[in-house]
Amino acid sequence: MRGVGYGCIHNYYSTHDDILELTNKCGDTYLGPPPFRRNAIEAAAPDIVNHDLTDLVGGHNEYRGTAAEFLVM
């Protein structure tokens, strides 16, 4: 699937994101592992770049308000 796009995959996450924690638990229980997490993507691929926003984003609804700060990383 990565061959379809261009550039690299940027994974922005915060360990304070309770919404993703809840959806992960539901997905693991009913559907198997979800395609998103509230942590780094552990893969040996140079085109995956993780951005830990835990110090900047205190919850799921704070990504939008702080996007100008972290999208320039």
PDB file of N, CA and C in Angstrom:
ATOM      1  N   MET A   1       0.815  -1.199   0.000  1.00  0.00           N
ATOM      2  CA  MET A   1       0.000   0.000   0.000  1.00  0.00           C
ATOM      3  C   MET A   1       0.857   1.261   0.000  1.00  0.00           C
ATOM      4  N   ARG A   2       2.002   1.227   0.666  1.00  0.00           N
ATOM      5  CA  ARG A   2       2.842   2.415   0.697  1.00  0.00           C
ATOM      6  C   ARG A   2       3.333   2.812  -0.681  1.00  0.00           C
ATOM      7  N   GLY A   3       3.458   1.867  -1.584  1.00  0.00           N
ATOM      8  CA  GLY A   3       3.942   2.171  -2.923  1.00  0.00           C
ATOM      9  C   GLY A   3       2.981   3.030  -3.734  1.00  0.00           C
ATOM     10  N   VAL A   4       1.745   3.125  -3.302  1.00  0.00           N
ATOM     11  CA  VAL A   4       0.735   3.877  -4.033  1.00  0.00           C
ATOM     12  C   VAL A   4       0.943   5.379  -3.880  1.00  0.00           C
ATOM     13  N   GLY A   5       1.340   5.829  -2.689  1.00  0.00           N
ATOM     14  CA  GLY A   5       1.475   7.264  -2.419  1.00  0.00           C
ATOM     15  C   GLY A   5       2.880   7.768  -2.673  1.00  0.00           C
ATOM     16  N   TYR A   6       3.061   9.019  -2.385  1.00  0.00           N
ATOM     17  CA  TYR A   6       4.359   9.654  -2.567  1.00  0.00           C
ATOM     18  C   TYR A   6       4.859  10.165  -1.230  1.00  0.00           C
ATOM     19  N   GLY A   7       6.159  10.299  -1.083  1.00  0.00           N
ATOM     20  CA  GLY A   7       6.721  10.835   0.146  1.00  0.00           C
ATOM     21  C   GLY A   7       6.675   9.825   1.269  1.00  0.00           C
ATOM     22  N   CYS A   8       6.438  10.335   2.472  1.00  0.00           N
ATOM     23  CA  CYS A   8       6.430   9.453   3.622  1.00  0.00           C
ATOM     24  C   CYS A   8       5.143   9.620   4.429  1.00  0.00           C
ATOM     25  N   ILE A   9       4.940   8.698   5.341  1.00  0.00           N
ATOM     26  CA  ILE A   9       3.782   8.711   6.221  1.00  0.00           C
ATOM     27  C   ILE A   9       4.180   9.424   7.505  1.00  0.00           C
ATOM     28  N   HIS A  10       3.433  10.446   7.877  1.00  0.00           N
ATOM     29  CA  HIS A  10       3.668  11.156   9.135  1.00  0.00           C
ATOM     30  C   HIS A  10       2.602  10.737  10.123  1.00  0.00           C
ATOM     31  N   ASN A  11       3.027  10.164  11.234  1.00  0.00           N
ATOM     32  CA  ASN A  11       2.132   9.698  12.289  1.00  0.00           C
ATOM     33  C   ASN A  11       2.233  10.666  13.468  1.00  0.00           C
ATOM     34  N   TYR A  12       1.187  11.466  13.674  1.00  0.00           N
ATOM     35  CA  TYR A  12       1.130  12.409  14.786  1.00  0.00           C
ATOM     36  C   TYR A  12       0.287  11.787  15.882  1.00  0.00           C
ATOM     37  N   TYR A  13       0.813  11.721  17.102  1.00  0.00           N
ATOM     38  CA  TYR A  13       0.072  11.064  18.174  1.00  0.00           C
ATOM     39  C   TYR A  13       0.364  11.712  19.529  1.00  0.00           C
ATOM     40  N   SER A  14      -0.563  11.495  20.454  1.00  0.00           N
ATOM     41  CA  SER A  14      -0.397  11.922  21.836  1.00  0.00           C
ATOM     42  C   SER A  14      -0.865  10.783  22.726  1.00  0.00           C
ATOM     43  N   THR A  15      -0.090  10.430  23.724  1.00  0.00           N
ATOM     44  CA  THR A  15      -0.505   9.372  24.637  1.00  0.00           C
ATOM     45  C   THR A  15      -1.636   9.847  25.546  1.00  0.00           C
ATOM     46  N   HIS A  16      -1.992  11.131  25.464  1.00  0.00           N
ATOM     47  CA  HIS A  16      -3.119  11.673  26.223  1.00  0.00           C
ATOM     48  C   HIS A  16      -4.432  11.562  25.451  1.00  0.00           C
ATOM     49  N   ASP A  17      -4.423  10.984  24.276  1.00  0.00           N
ATOM     50  CA  ASP A  17      -5.606  10.907  23.423  1.00  0.00           C
ATOM     51  C   ASP A  17      -6.510   9.768  23.894  1.00  0.00           C
ATOM     52  N   ASP A  18      -7.459  10.094  24.766  1.00  0.00           N
ATOM     53  CA  ASP A  18      -8.349   9.084  25.335  1.00  0.00           C
ATOM     54  C   ASP A  18      -9.342   8.528  24.322  1.00  0.00           C
ATOM     55  N   ILE A  19      -9.694   9.307  23.307  1.00  0.00           N
ATOM     56  CA  ILE A  19     -10.612   8.825  22.274  1.00  0.00           C
ATOM     57  C   ILE A  19      -9.968   7.674  21.503  1.00  0.00           C
ATOM     58  N   LEU A  20      -8.719   7.834  21.111  1.00  0.00           N
ATOM     59  CA  LEU A  20      -8.048   6.747  20.404  1.00  0.00           C
ATOM     60  C   LEU A  20      -7.832   5.544  21.309  1.00  0.00           C
ATOM     61  N   GLU A  21      -7.597   5.779  22.586  1.00  0.00           N
ATOM     62  CA  GLU A  21      -7.457   4.658  23.512  1.00  0.00           C
ATOM     63  C   GLU A  21      -8.759   3.850  23.563  1.00  0.00           C
ATOM     64  N   LEU A  22      -9.889   4.541  23.645  1.00  0.00           N
ATOM     65  CA  LEU A  22     -11.189   3.875  23.695  1.00  0.00           C
ATOM     66  C   LEU A  22     -11.484   3.126  22.398  1.00  0.00           C
ATOM     67  N   THR A  23     -11.251   3.769  21.254  1.00  0.00           N
ATOM     68  CA  THR A  23     -11.524   3.095  19.980  1.00  0.00           C
ATOM     69  C   THR A  23     -10.588   1.913  19.763  1.00  0.00           C
ATOM     70  N   ASN A  24      -9.370   2.011  20.263  1.00  0.00           N
ATOM     71  CA  ASN A  24      -8.453   0.878  20.166  1.00  0.00           C
ATOM     72  C   ASN A  24      -8.979  -0.305  20.951  1.00  0.00           C
ATOM     73  N   LYS A  25      -9.481  -0.062  22.166  1.00  0.00           N
ATOM     74  CA  LYS A  25     -10.016  -1.150  22.981  1.00  0.00           C
ATOM     75  C   LYS A  25     -11.217  -1.787  22.303  1.00  0.00           C
ATOM     76  N   CYS A  26     -12.107  -0.973  21.755  1.00  0.00           N
ATOM     77  CA  CYS A  26     -13.286  -1.496  21.049  1.00  0.00           C
ATOM     78  C   CYS A  26     -12.870  -2.269  19.807  1.00  0.00           C
ATOM     79  N   GLY A  27     -11.951  -1.708  19.046  1.00  0.00           N
ATOM     80  CA  GLY A  27     -11.488  -2.378  17.823  1.00  0.00           C
ATOM     81  C   GLY A  27     -10.808  -3.691  18.125  1.00  0.00           C
ATOM     82  N   ASP A  28      -9.948  -3.727  19.145  1.00  0.00           N
ATOM     83  CA  ASP A  28      -9.262  -4.959  19.513  1.00  0.00           C
ATOM     84  C   ASP A  28     -10.263  -6.031  19.927  1.00  0.00           C
ATOM     85  N   THR A  29     -11.315  -5.612  20.617  1.00  0.00           N
ATOM     86  CA  THR A  29     -12.304  -6.559  21.119  1.00  0.00           C
ATOM     87  C   THR A  29     -13.189  -7.107  20.015  1.00  0.00           C
ATOM     88  N   TYR A  30     -13.664  -6.240  19.130  1.00  0.00           N
ATOM     89  CA  TYR A  30     -14.677  -6.641  18.157  1.00  0.00           C
ATOM     90  C   TYR A  30     -14.174  -6.838  16.725  1.00  0.00           C
ATOM     91  N   LEU A  31     -13.148  -6.140  16.343  1.00  0.00           N
ATOM     92  CA  LEU A  31     -12.740  -6.159  14.939  1.00  0.00           C
ATOM     93  C   LEU A  31     -11.305  -6.601  14.705  1.00  0.00           C
ATOM     94  N   GLY A  32     -10.555  -6.788  15.751  1.00  0.00           N
ATOM     95  CA  GLY A  32      -9.130  -7.021  15.609  1.00  0.00           C
ATOM     96  C   GLY A  32      -8.414  -5.686  15.746  1.00  0.00           C
ATOM     97  N   PRO A  33      -7.107  -5.658  15.621  1.00  0.00           N
ATOM     98  CA  PRO A  33      -6.353  -4.413  15.822  1.00  0.00           C
ATOM     99  C   PRO A  33      -6.780  -3.310  14.861  1.00  0.00           C
ATOM    100  N   PRO A  34      -7.038  -2.091  15.380  1.00  0.00           N
ATOM    101  CA  PRO A  34      -7.409  -0.978  14.506  1.00  0.00           C
ATOM    102  C   PRO A  34      -6.195  -0.443  13.755  1.00  0.00           C
ATOM    103  N   PRO A  35      -6.417   0.323  12.683  1.00  0.00           N
ATOM    104  CA  PRO A  35      -5.300   0.834  11.883  1.00  0.00           C
ATOM    105  C   PRO A  35      -4.647   2.072  12.489  1.00  0.00           C
ATOM    106  N   PHE A  36      -5.093   2.498  13.649  1.00  0.00           N
ATOM    107  CA  PHE A  36      -4.532   3.685  14.274  1.00  0.00           C
ATOM    108  C   PHE A  36      -4.259   3.407  15.741  1.00  0.00           C
ATOM    109  N   ARG A  37      -3.332   4.098  16.283  1.00  0.00           N
ATOM    110  CA  ARG A  37      -2.956   3.946  17.691  1.00  0.00           C
ATOM    111  C   ARG A  37      -2.661   5.316  18.270  1.00  0.00           C
ATOM    112  N   ARG A  38      -2.488   5.366  19.561  1.00  0.00           N
ATOM    113  CA  ARG A  38      -2.087   6.621  20.183  1.00  0.00           C
ATOM    114  C   ARG A  38      -0.620   6.542  20.607  1.00  0.00           C
ATOM    115  N   ASN A  39       0.164   5.929  19.753  1.00  0.00           N
ATOM    116  CA  ASN A  39       1.593   5.806  19.991  1.00  0.00           C
ATOM    117  C   ASN A  39       2.325   5.707  18.653  1.00  0.00           C
ATOM    118  N   ALA A  40       3.614   5.515  18.718  1.00  0.00           N
ATOM    119  CA  ALA A  40       4.433   5.449  17.507  1.00  0.00           C
ATOM    120  C   ALA A  40       4.111   4.202  16.693  1.00  0.00           C
ATOM    121  N   ILE A  41       4.295   4.306  15.392  1.00  0.00           N
ATOM    122  CA  ILE A  41       4.187   3.142  14.516  1.00  0.00           C
ATOM    123  C   ILE A  41       5.549   2.468  14.526  1.00  0.00           C
ATOM    124  N   GLU A  42       5.586   1.260  15.020  1.00  0.00           N
ATOM    125  CA  GLU A  42       6.844   0.521  15.103  1.00  0.00           C
ATOM    126  C   GLU A  42       7.028  -0.272  13.818  1.00  0.00           C
ATOM    127  N   ALA A  43       7.814   0.255  12.920  1.00  0.00           N
ATOM    128  CA  ALA A  43       8.061  -0.424  11.649  1.00  0.00           C
ATOM    129  C   ALA A  43       9.459  -0.076  11.169  1.00  0.00           C
ATOM    130  N   ALA A  44      10.076  -1.028  10.551  1.00  0.00           N
ATOM    131  CA  ALA A  44      11.408  -0.807  10.001  1.00  0.00           C
ATOM    132  C   ALA A  44      11.275  -0.264   8.588  1.00  0.00           C
ATOM    133  N   ALA A  45      10.691   0.910   8.484  1.00  0.00           N
ATOM    134  CA  ALA A  45      10.500   1.532   7.174  1.00  0.00           C
ATOM    135  C   ALA A  45      10.958   2.985   7.255  1.00  0.00           C
ATOM    136  N   PRO A  46      11.851   3.391   6.391  1.00  0.00           N
ATOM    137  CA  PRO A  46      12.377   4.763   6.456  1.00  0.00           C
ATOM    138  C   PRO A  46      11.350   5.826   6.091  1.00  0.00           C
ATOM    139  N   ASP A  47      10.235   5.424   5.474  1.00  0.00           N
ATOM    140  CA  ASP A  47       9.259   6.422   5.055  1.00  0.00           C
ATOM    141  C   ASP A  47       8.127   6.623   6.072  1.00  0.00           C
ATOM    142  N   ILE A  48       8.294   6.103   7.300  1.00  0.00           N
ATOM    143  CA  ILE A  48       7.341   6.350   8.384  1.00  0.00           C
ATOM    144  C   ILE A  48       8.023   7.241   9.404  1.00  0.00           C
ATOM    145  N   VAL A  49       7.428   8.424   9.628  1.00  0.00           N
ATOM    146  CA  VAL A  49       7.993   9.392  10.558  1.00  0.00           C
ATOM    147  C   VAL A  49       6.995   9.602  11.695  1.00  0.00           C
ATOM    148  N   ASN A  50       7.392   9.279  12.913  1.00  0.00           N
ATOM    149  CA  ASN A  50       6.540   9.457  14.080  1.00  0.00           C
ATOM    150  C   ASN A  50       6.788  10.810  14.720  1.00  0.00           C
ATOM    151  N   HIS A  51       5.702  11.457  15.151  1.00  0.00           N
ATOM    152  CA  HIS A  51       5.781  12.744  15.839  1.00  0.00           C
ATOM    153  C   HIS A  51       5.019  12.624  17.155  1.00  0.00           C
ATOM    154  N   ASP A  52       5.733  12.563  18.258  1.00  0.00           N
ATOM    155  CA  ASP A  52       5.119  12.456  19.581  1.00  0.00           C
ATOM    156  C   ASP A  52       4.691  13.844  20.041  1.00  0.00           C
ATOM    157  N   LEU A  53       3.379  14.078  20.103  1.00  0.00           N
ATOM    158  CA  LEU A  53       2.830  15.378  20.490  1.00  0.00           C
ATOM    159  C   LEU A  53       2.317  15.384  21.921  1.00  0.00           C
ATOM    160  N   THR A  54       2.717  14.397  22.712  1.00  0.00           N
ATOM    161  CA  THR A  54       2.219  14.255  24.073  1.00  0.00           C
ATOM    162  C   THR A  54       2.404  15.523  24.891  1.00  0.00           C
ATOM    163  N   ASP A  55       3.516  16.213  24.735  1.00  0.00           N
ATOM    164  CA  ASP A  55       3.761  17.451  25.498  1.00  0.00           C
ATOM    165  C   ASP A  55       2.930  18.620  24.992  1.00  0.00           C
ATOM    166  N   LEU A  56       2.412  18.536  23.790  1.00  0.00           N
ATOM    167  CA  LEU A  56       1.671  19.633  23.165  1.00  0.00           C
ATOM    168  C   LEU A  56       0.162  19.404  23.149  1.00  0.00           C
ATOM    169  N   VAL A  57      -0.253  18.150  22.990  1.00  0.00           N
ATOM    170  CA  VAL A  57      -1.672  17.804  22.850  1.00  0.00           C
ATOM    171  C   VAL A  57      -2.126  17.037  24.088  1.00  0.00           C
ATOM    172  N   GLY A  58      -3.044  17.640  24.841  1.00  0.00           N
ATOM    173  CA  GLY A  58      -3.515  17.032  26.080  1.00  0.00           C
ATOM    174  C   GLY A  58      -4.735  16.151  25.918  1.00  0.00           C
ATOM    175  N   GLY A  59      -5.327  16.099  24.733  1.00  0.00           N
ATOM    176  CA  GLY A  59      -6.509  15.282  24.485  1.00  0.00           C
ATOM    177  C   GLY A  59      -6.877  15.297  23.019  1.00  0.00           C
ATOM    178  N   HIS A  60      -7.808  14.442  22.650  1.00  0.00           N
ATOM    179  CA  HIS A  60      -8.172  14.258  21.249  1.00  0.00           C
ATOM    180  C   HIS A  60      -8.624  15.548  20.563  1.00  0.00           C
ATOM    181  N   ASN A  61      -9.345  16.383  21.249  1.00  0.00           N
ATOM    182  CA  ASN A  61      -9.879  17.611  20.654  1.00  0.00           C
ATOM    183  C   ASN A  61      -8.863  18.745  20.569  1.00  0.00           C
ATOM    184  N   GLU A  62      -7.655  18.533  21.019  1.00  0.00           N
ATOM    185  CA  GLU A  62      -6.639  19.588  20.995  1.00  0.00           C
ATOM    186  C   GLU A  62      -5.739  19.557  19.765  1.00  0.00           C
ATOM    187  N   TYR A  63      -5.835  18.529  18.934  1.00  0.00           N
ATOM    188  CA  TYR A  63      -4.992  18.477  17.729  1.00  0.00           C
ATOM    189  C   TYR A  63      -5.261  19.680  16.833  1.00  0.00           C
ATOM    190  N   ARG A  64      -6.519  19.954  16.601  1.00  0.00           N
ATOM    191  CA  ARG A  64      -6.893  21.034  15.675  1.00  0.00           C
ATOM    192  C   ARG A  64      -6.371  22.396  16.151  1.00  0.00           C
ATOM    193  N   GLY A  65      -6.501  22.688  17.423  1.00  0.00           N
ATOM    194  CA  GLY A  65      -6.072  23.978  17.945  1.00  0.00           C
ATOM    195  C   GLY A  65      -4.568  24.171  17.967  1.00  0.00           C
ATOM    196  N   THR A  66      -3.821  23.081  17.932  1.00  0.00           N
ATOM    197  CA  THR A  66      -2.360  23.182  17.979  1.00  0.00           C
ATOM    198  C   THR A  66      -1.698  22.791  16.658  1.00  0.00           C
ATOM    199  N   ALA A  67      -2.485  22.533  15.637  1.00  0.00           N
ATOM    200  CA  ALA A  67      -1.945  22.067  14.350  1.00  0.00           C
ATOM    201  C   ALA A  67      -0.898  22.999  13.775  1.00  0.00           C
ATOM    202  N   ALA A  68      -1.083  24.289  13.917  1.00  0.00           N
ATOM    203  CA  ALA A  68      -0.111  25.245  13.363  1.00  0.00           C
ATOM    204  C   ALA A  68       1.264  25.055  14.008  1.00  0.00           C
ATOM    205  N   GLU A  69       1.287  24.614  15.242  1.00  0.00           N
ATOM    206  CA  GLU A  69       2.571  24.401  15.938  1.00  0.00           C
ATOM    207  C   GLU A  69       3.258  23.123  15.506  1.00  0.00           C
ATOM    208  N   PHE A  70       2.489  22.035  15.330  1.00  0.00           N
ATOM    209  CA  PHE A  70       3.168  20.765  15.046  1.00  0.00           C
ATOM    210  C   PHE A  70       3.283  20.443  13.564  1.00  0.00           C
ATOM    211  N   LEU A  71       2.529  21.052  12.706  1.00  0.00           N
ATOM    212  CA  LEU A  71       2.654  20.746  11.279  1.00  0.00           C
ATOM    213  C   LEU A  71       3.911  21.333  10.643  1.00  0.00           C
ATOM    214  N   VAL A  72       4.616  22.178  11.352  1.00  0.00           N
ATOM    215  CA  VAL A  72       5.868  22.735  10.839  1.00  0.00           C
ATOM    216  C   VAL A  72       7.067  21.929  11.318  1.00  0.00           C
ATOM    217  N   MET A  73       6.829  20.825  12.016  1.00  0.00           N
ATOM    218  CA  MET A  73       7.919  19.993  12.537  1.00  0.00           C
ATOM    219  C   MET A  73       8.688  19.348  11.414  1.00  0.00           C
TER     220      MET A  73
END
